[in-house]
Protein backbone atom coordinates (compact mmCIF):
# COMPACT_ATOMS: atom_id res chain seq x y z
CA MET A 1 -7.58 12.90 3.04
CA ILE A 2 -8.74 14.80 0.02
CA GLY A 3 -8.83 18.49 -0.79
CA ASP A 4 -7.19 21.20 -2.81
CA LEU A 5 -3.54 22.16 -2.58
CA GLY A 6 -2.97 24.24 0.54
CA GLY A 7 -6.21 23.04 2.07
CA GLY A 8 -4.71 21.99 5.40
CA LYS A 9 -4.03 18.27 4.98
CA THR A 10 -0.41 18.39 6.16
CA HIS A 11 -1.29 20.81 8.96
CA PHE A 12 -4.00 18.40 10.12
CA THR A 13 -1.50 15.53 10.01
CA LYS A 14 0.89 17.49 12.22
CA GLY A 15 -1.86 17.88 14.81
CA LEU A 16 -2.70 14.19 14.61
CA ALA A 17 0.98 13.35 15.11
CA THR A 18 1.10 15.56 18.19
CA GLY A 19 -1.96 13.74 19.56
CA LEU A 20 -0.24 10.40 18.97
CA GLY A 21 2.83 11.59 20.88
CA VAL A 22 5.17 11.91 17.90
CA ALA A 23 8.16 13.92 19.13
CA GLU A 24 9.95 14.64 15.85
CA PRO A 25 8.93 17.29 13.32
CA VAL A 26 6.34 16.11 10.79
CA THR A 27 6.92 17.09 7.17
CA SER A 28 5.05 16.29 4.00
CA PRO A 29 6.56 13.29 2.20
CA THR A 30 5.89 14.76 -1.25
CA PHE A 31 9.16 13.56 -2.75
CA ASN A 32 9.64 10.25 -0.95
CA PHE A 33 5.89 9.40 -0.77
CA GLU A 34 5.95 7.99 2.79
CA ASN A 35 7.20 9.08 6.19
CA ILE A 36 6.81 6.86 9.25
CA TYR A 37 6.73 8.35 12.74
CA GLN A 38 6.64 6.56 16.09
CA GLY A 39 4.11 7.83 18.59
CA LYS A 40 3.81 6.78 22.21
CA LYS A 41 1.69 3.73 21.36
CA LEU A 42 1.00 3.84 17.62
CA SER A 43 3.01 4.44 14.47
CA LEU A 44 1.91 7.13 12.02
CA TYR A 45 2.26 6.28 8.33
CA HIS A 46 2.06 9.52 6.33
CA PHE A 47 1.72 9.30 2.55
CA ASP A 48 1.53 12.21 0.11
CA LEU A 49 0.47 11.28 -3.41
CA TYR A 50 0.42 14.80 -4.85
CA ARG A 51 3.06 13.97 -7.45
CA ASN A 52 1.32 10.75 -8.52
CA GLY A 53 -1.31 10.61 -11.22
CA GLU A 54 -1.58 6.90 -10.54
CA VAL A 55 -0.18 4.80 -7.73
CA ASP A 56 2.34 2.24 -8.95
CA GLU A 57 2.82 -1.23 -7.46
CA ASP A 58 5.69 -0.17 -5.18
CA ILE A 59 3.73 2.62 -3.51
CA GLY A 60 0.63 0.41 -3.47
CA PHE A 61 2.61 -2.24 -1.61
CA LEU A 62 3.72 0.34 0.99
CA ILE A 63 0.12 1.50 1.45
CA LYS A 64 -1.16 -2.07 1.91
CA GLU A 65 1.64 -2.84 4.34
CA ALA A 66 0.86 0.27 6.39
CA ILE A 67 -2.87 -0.47 6.45
CA SER A 68 -2.17 -4.00 7.72
CA ASP A 69 -0.27 -2.67 10.77
CA LYS A 70 -2.72 -3.03 13.67
CA ASP A 71 -0.58 -0.63 15.71
CA GLY A 72 -0.57 2.06 13.05
CA VAL A 73 -2.55 5.03 11.84
CA VAL A 74 -2.42 5.68 8.10
CA VAL A 75 -2.83 9.15 6.60
CA ILE A 76 -2.88 9.49 2.83
CA GLU A 77 -2.90 12.96 1.32
CA TRP A 78 -4.50 12.98 -2.13
CA ALA A 79 -6.05 9.63 -1.21
CA GLU A 80 -8.38 9.63 -4.22
CA ARG A 81 -5.32 8.66 -6.27
CA ALA A 82 -5.05 5.39 -4.34
CA ARG A 83 -8.75 4.49 -4.19
CA SER A 84 -8.10 0.88 -5.20
CA TYR A 85 -5.97 0.41 -2.05
CA TRP A 86 -8.50 1.72 0.46
CA PRO A 87 -9.62 -0.85 3.03
CA SER A 88 -13.29 -1.77 3.33
CA ARG A 89 -13.57 0.39 6.47
CA TYR A 90 -12.00 3.84 6.47
CA THR A 91 -12.45 7.45 7.53
CA LEU A 92 -12.34 10.00 4.73
CA ILE A 93 -11.47 13.57 5.66
CA LYS A 94 -12.32 16.28 3.10
CA PHE A 95 -10.84 19.76 3.20
CA ASN A 96 -12.70 22.57 1.42
CA TRP A 97 -11.72 26.23 1.20
CA ILE A 98 -14.14 28.70 2.79
CA SER A 99 -11.79 31.70 2.63
CA ASP A 100 -8.04 32.39 2.77
CA GLN A 101 -8.19 31.83 6.52
CA GLU A 102 -10.98 29.24 6.84
CA ARG A 103 -11.50 25.63 5.82
CA MET A 104 -14.46 23.31 6.16
CA ILE A 105 -13.45 19.82 7.24
CA SER A 106 -15.87 16.95 6.65
CA VAL A 107 -15.36 13.55 8.23
CA ILE A 108 -17.02 10.55 6.59
CA LYS A 109 -16.75 7.09 8.15
CA LYS A 110 -17.30 4.10 5.88
């Protein structure tokens, strides 16, 4: 996911987690970079790269490991900072401000 600070990325992730059946509260992993939640059938891997200018090898390894989990859904906030780790097929979600109360969300499948 890409978009400005406060654009709704974490809020969107909370809704996705609810849809996956995650029972625990979902918080942004800004300081630990990754949170993993268990849904009813799939795991949710939630990354937040806001604090990273570049993704180091350790975080890159965690991203690759999450992407390889066939029973997982991977959400990466500030995903443009980890472009070199994106799989060949992905869904990019862009958040743009319309007003203080509105956002435009674009979904691009590659």
